[in-house]
Protein backbone atom coordinates (compact mmCIF):
# COMPACT_ATOMS: atom_id res chain seq x y z
CA MET A 1 0.05 0.00 -0.04
CA ILE A 2 2.85 2.38 0.89
CA ASP A 3 4.43 1.62 -2.61
CA ALA A 4 1.11 2.00 -4.36
CA GLU A 5 0.46 5.44 -2.73
CA ARG A 6 3.97 6.60 -3.59
CA GLN A 7 3.50 5.73 -7.23
CA LEU A 8 0.18 7.34 -7.25
CA ARG A 9 1.85 10.58 -5.84
CA VAL A 10 4.39 10.59 -8.48
CA ASP A 11 1.91 10.20 -11.30
CA LEU A 12 -0.53 12.78 -9.88
CA ALA A 13 2.34 15.33 -9.30
CA ALA A 14 3.42 14.63 -12.95
CA CYS A 15 -0.11 15.15 -14.14
CA TYR A 16 -0.20 18.72 -12.41
CA ARG A 17 3.18 19.45 -13.99
CA LEU A 18 1.89 18.48 -17.40
CA VAL A 19 -1.22 20.58 -17.15
CA ALA A 20 1.01 23.46 -16.44
CA ALA A 21 3.37 22.69 -19.29
CA PHE A 22 0.36 22.49 -21.69
CA HIS A 23 -1.01 25.76 -20.36
CA TRP A 24 -4.25 24.40 -19.27
CA ASP A 25 -3.79 25.65 -15.69
CA ASP A 26 -5.72 28.73 -14.22
CA LEU A 27 -3.09 30.25 -11.70
CA ILE A 28 -3.77 28.24 -8.54
CA PHE A 29 -7.36 27.22 -9.39
CA THR A 30 -8.83 24.12 -10.73
CA HIS A 31 -7.99 20.56 -9.50
CA ILE A 32 -6.80 17.06 -10.19
CA SER A 33 -7.61 14.32 -7.60
CA ALA A 34 -6.71 10.82 -7.23
CA ARG A 35 -8.08 8.09 -5.12
CA ILE A 36 -5.52 6.24 -2.95
CA PRO A 37 -5.91 2.40 -3.21
CA GLY A 38 -7.71 0.82 -0.15
CA PRO A 39 -10.91 0.68 1.67
CA GLU A 40 -10.58 4.15 3.34
CA HIS A 41 -11.82 6.28 0.41
CA HIS A 42 -8.81 8.78 0.84
CA PHE A 43 -7.74 11.09 -1.90
CA LEU A 44 -4.88 13.12 -2.93
CA ILE A 45 -5.32 16.74 -4.31
CA ASN A 46 -3.26 19.83 -4.82
CA PRO A 47 -2.06 22.09 -1.98
CA TYR A 48 -4.23 25.33 -2.30
CA GLY A 49 -1.94 28.29 -2.98
CA LEU A 50 0.65 26.56 -5.05
CA THR A 51 0.84 26.87 -8.77
CA PHE A 52 0.81 23.44 -10.66
CA ASP A 53 4.47 23.62 -11.55
CA GLU A 54 5.16 23.62 -7.72
CA VAL A 55 3.25 20.34 -7.01
CA THR A 56 5.33 17.57 -5.90
CA ALA A 57 4.74 13.99 -4.85
CA SER A 58 5.26 14.89 -1.22
CA ASN A 59 3.21 17.96 -0.94
CA LEU A 60 0.00 16.60 -2.21
CA VAL A 61 -2.67 16.71 0.47
CA LYS A 62 -4.36 13.57 1.74
CA ILE A 63 -8.15 14.09 2.35
CA ASP A 64 -11.27 12.09 3.00
CA LEU A 65 -14.58 12.31 1.07
CA ASP A 66 -15.54 15.35 3.10
CA GLY A 67 -12.43 17.23 2.18
CA ARG A 68 -10.79 16.89 5.73
CA LYS A 69 -7.11 16.27 6.00
CA VAL A 70 -6.32 12.81 7.15
CA GLU A 71 -2.60 13.48 7.55
CA PRO A 72 -0.81 16.59 8.83
CA SER A 73 -0.11 19.18 6.11
CA PRO A 74 0.81 22.77 6.27
CA HIS A 75 -1.45 23.39 3.23
CA GLU A 76 -5.15 23.74 2.90
CA ILE A 77 -7.39 22.66 -0.14
CA ASN A 78 -9.71 24.56 -2.20
CA PRO A 79 -13.20 23.76 -0.96
CA ALA A 80 -14.83 24.67 -4.34
CA GLY A 81 -12.70 22.16 -6.12
CA PHE A 82 -13.48 19.26 -4.10
CA THR A 83 -17.37 19.67 -4.18
CA ILE A 84 -17.08 18.52 -7.73
CA HIS A 85 -14.52 15.75 -7.25
CA SER A 86 -16.06 14.35 -4.09
CA ALA A 87 -19.43 13.79 -5.80
CA ILE A 88 -17.89 11.97 -8.59
CA HIS A 89 -15.52 9.84 -6.51
CA ALA A 90 -18.28 8.86 -4.29
CA ALA A 91 -20.54 7.78 -7.18
CA ARG A 92 -18.19 6.14 -9.49
CA GLU A 93 -15.88 3.27 -8.31
CA ASP A 94 -14.00 3.53 -11.62
CA ALA A 95 -13.25 7.24 -10.98
CA LYS A 96 -9.71 6.92 -9.74
CA CYS A 97 -8.69 10.28 -11.08
CA ILE A 98 -10.59 13.34 -11.94
CA LEU A 99 -8.99 16.23 -13.91
CA HIS A 100 -10.86 19.55 -14.09
CA THR A 101 -9.63 22.56 -16.13
CA HIS A 102 -10.64 26.20 -16.90
CA SER A 103 -8.52 26.20 -20.19
CA LEU A 104 -9.49 29.25 -22.52
CA ASN A 105 -10.32 26.73 -25.40
CA GLY A 106 -12.49 24.60 -23.02
CA VAL A 107 -14.35 27.46 -21.53
CA ALA A 108 -14.98 28.99 -24.88
CA VAL A 109 -16.54 25.91 -26.46
CA SER A 110 -18.60 25.35 -23.22
CA ALA A 111 -20.08 28.61 -23.59
CA THR A 112 -21.48 27.77 -27.25
CA LYS A 113 -24.89 26.44 -27.52
CA ARG A 114 -23.97 23.38 -29.53
CA GLY A 115 -20.94 22.58 -27.43
CA LEU A 116 -18.38 20.24 -29.05
CA LEU A 117 -19.04 19.59 -32.73
CA PRO A 118 -18.21 16.30 -34.54
CA ILE A 119 -15.67 17.92 -36.91
CA SER A 120 -12.40 16.17 -36.02
CA GLN A 121 -11.02 12.81 -35.18
CA GLN A 122 -10.29 13.96 -31.65
CA ALA A 123 -13.93 15.16 -31.23
CA SER A 124 -15.08 11.81 -32.50
CA LEU A 125 -13.43 10.10 -29.67
CA VAL A 126 -14.50 12.46 -27.12
CA LEU A 127 -18.17 12.52 -28.28
CA SER A 128 -18.57 8.77 -27.75
CA SER A 129 -18.38 9.39 -24.03
CA LEU A 130 -19.51 13.03 -23.58
CA ALA A 131 -21.90 14.56 -21.03
CA TYR A 132 -22.94 18.15 -20.14
CA HIS A 133 -23.73 19.95 -16.98
CA ASP A 134 -25.33 23.35 -16.76
CA TYR A 135 -23.61 26.10 -14.87
CA GLU A 136 -24.90 26.57 -11.31
CA GLY A 137 -22.31 29.09 -10.12
CA ILE A 138 -19.01 28.40 -8.23
CA ALA A 139 -19.38 24.90 -7.01
CA MET A 140 -19.71 25.39 -3.35
CA ARG A 141 -23.18 24.07 -2.68
CA PRO A 142 -23.53 20.35 -1.69
CA ASP A 143 -27.12 20.10 -3.32
CA GLU A 144 -25.32 20.43 -6.81
CA LYS A 145 -23.60 17.12 -6.26
CA PRO A 146 -26.52 14.83 -7.39
CA ARG A 147 -27.05 16.77 -10.46
CA LEU A 148 -23.41 16.52 -11.38
CA VAL A 149 -23.50 12.78 -10.85
CA ARG A 150 -26.75 12.42 -12.93
CA ASP A 151 -25.34 14.49 -15.75
CA LEU A 152 -22.03 12.66 -15.96
CA GLY A 153 -23.66 9.16 -15.70
CA ASP A 154 -21.19 6.64 -16.93
CA LYS A 155 -19.36 8.97 -19.27
CA PHE A 156 -15.61 9.86 -19.01
CA PHE A 157 -15.77 13.45 -20.41
CA LEU A 158 -17.94 16.22 -18.96
CA MET A 159 -18.37 19.64 -20.32
CA LEU A 160 -19.27 22.09 -17.56
CA ARG A 161 -21.32 24.86 -19.35
CA ASN A 162 -19.75 28.31 -19.15
CA HIS A 163 -17.19 26.78 -16.82
CA GLY A 164 -14.64 24.30 -18.37
CA LEU A 165 -13.79 20.64 -18.96
CA LEU A 166 -13.57 17.62 -16.74
CA THR A 167 -12.26 14.10 -17.47
CA VAL A 168 -12.43 10.90 -15.49
CA GLY A 169 -10.01 8.01 -15.67
CA THR A 170 -9.35 4.74 -14.06
CA THR A 171 -5.73 5.82 -13.81
CA VAL A 172 -4.01 9.21 -13.73
CA ALA A 173 -2.56 8.54 -17.16
CA ASP A 174 -6.07 7.85 -18.55
CA ALA A 175 -7.55 10.96 -17.11
CA PHE A 176 -4.57 13.01 -18.77
CA LEU A 177 -4.97 11.40 -22.00
CA ASN A 178 -8.70 12.12 -22.02
CA MET A 179 -8.05 15.68 -21.22
CA TYR A 180 -5.45 16.05 -23.99
CA LEU A 181 -8.05 14.72 -26.61
CA PHE A 182 -10.81 16.90 -25.09
CA GLU A 183 -8.61 20.05 -25.13
CA ALA A 184 -7.33 19.39 -28.72
CA ALA A 185 -10.92 18.95 -29.93
CA CYS A 186 -12.00 22.27 -28.46
CA ALA A 187 -8.84 23.98 -29.94
CA ILE A 188 -9.35 22.53 -33.27
CA GLN A 189 -13.07 23.66 -33.26
CA LEU A 190 -12.21 27.18 -32.44
CA ARG A 191 -9.70 27.50 -35.12
CA ALA A 192 -11.93 25.98 -37.84
CA GLN A 193 -14.70 28.26 -36.69
CA GLY A 194 -12.30 31.26 -36.90
CA THR A 195 -11.78 30.65 -40.70
CA GLY A 196 -15.37 31.72 -41.50
CA GLU A 197 -15.70 28.68 -43.74
CA GLU A 198 -18.46 26.05 -43.60
CA LEU A 199 -17.45 23.26 -41.29
CA ILE A 200 -17.69 19.59 -42.40
CA ASP A 201 -19.19 17.26 -39.86
CA VAL A 202 -17.89 13.70 -39.51
CA GLU A 203 -20.51 11.26 -40.86
CA SER A 204 -22.78 9.81 -38.14
CA SER A 205 -21.94 6.37 -39.43
CA VAL A 206 -18.31 7.07 -38.73
CA LEU A 207 -19.01 8.58 -35.30
CA ALA A 208 -20.77 5.39 -34.58
CA THR A 209 -17.69 3.31 -34.99
CA ALA A 210 -15.63 5.52 -32.67
CA THR A 211 -17.43 4.04 -29.75
CA THR A 212 -15.92 0.63 -30.65
CA TYR A 213 -12.43 1.92 -30.90
CA ALA A 214 -12.63 4.64 -28.00
CA GLY A 215 -12.22 1.94 -25.26
CA ALA A 216 -8.99 0.72 -26.57
CA VAL A 217 -7.58 4.22 -27.48
CA LEU A 218 -8.63 6.09 -24.27
CA ARG A 219 -8.54 3.37 -21.55
CA GLY A 220 -6.26 0.85 -23.02
CA GLY A 221 -2.81 0.98 -24.58
CA GLY A 222 -2.95 4.66 -25.60
CA ALA A 223 -2.39 5.98 -21.93
CA GLY A 224 -0.07 3.02 -21.24
CA PHE A 225 2.31 3.82 -24.06
CA ALA A 226 2.01 7.78 -23.94
CA TRP A 227 2.29 8.14 -20.16
CA PRO A 228 5.94 6.78 -19.74
CA ALA A 229 6.94 8.98 -22.66
CA LEU A 230 5.48 12.01 -21.03
CA LEU A 231 7.16 11.12 -17.67
CA ARG A 232 10.58 10.90 -19.54
CA LYS A 233 9.86 14.30 -20.97
CA LEU A 234 9.18 15.64 -17.51
CA ASP A 235 12.32 13.91 -16.09
CA ARG A 236 14.39 15.79 -18.78
CA LEU A 237 12.91 19.17 -18.13
CA ASP A 238 12.64 19.05 -14.20
CA PRO A 239 12.35 15.89 -12.25
CA SER A 240 11.55 17.70 -8.99
CA TYR A 241 7.88 16.61 -9.23
CA ARG A 242 9.09 13.20 -8.00
CA SER A 243 10.42 14.63 -4.58
């Protein structure tokens, strides 16, 4: 269990660093949480007040489902962030990692009436498991939790209207790869719309086949192959996330 938590801390710290490197962070706001293996329902989340490129394996805060610290830490957590995360962690056993962003591309698309359009390969993979949740203000009210859970259902991608993006993964690697696809799909859409040209939708029959392949691409070998490469990249740039 000690080894499993240590590896999870390294992976989650790496995920924070990668989100910063890809410029999806929002100063000290937004969150990535991961469930620690075991029956206690304990989770790791970022220390509130640190930028994502300051997160390390050792300074992640261990909390319970109510957001209370279960081990001493000089850091607090953002209560608004864990409202969303605790709801999904409690409802979904497979939600081992939850990644939430306020990226400019994601918020921009979330503010459009049609949401994510079927105009790219990346979008086709996201659309196979995409849900939407209407904006209810800053996520501080516990009564929003059941609606979040209801709207997400069994999906792995959630567009929070007027707010941002959220992905769920059975591992940290899966949650990150899901967000990479989600963010790319939003960026491609905004660039395509910016041309002023008529957009070409992917045929519905082709979209239907994406569901068949999405499981293997998003929750199978894709993250398994991509994640070690991303960790090697981080190690070349700054291995301090492991400390």
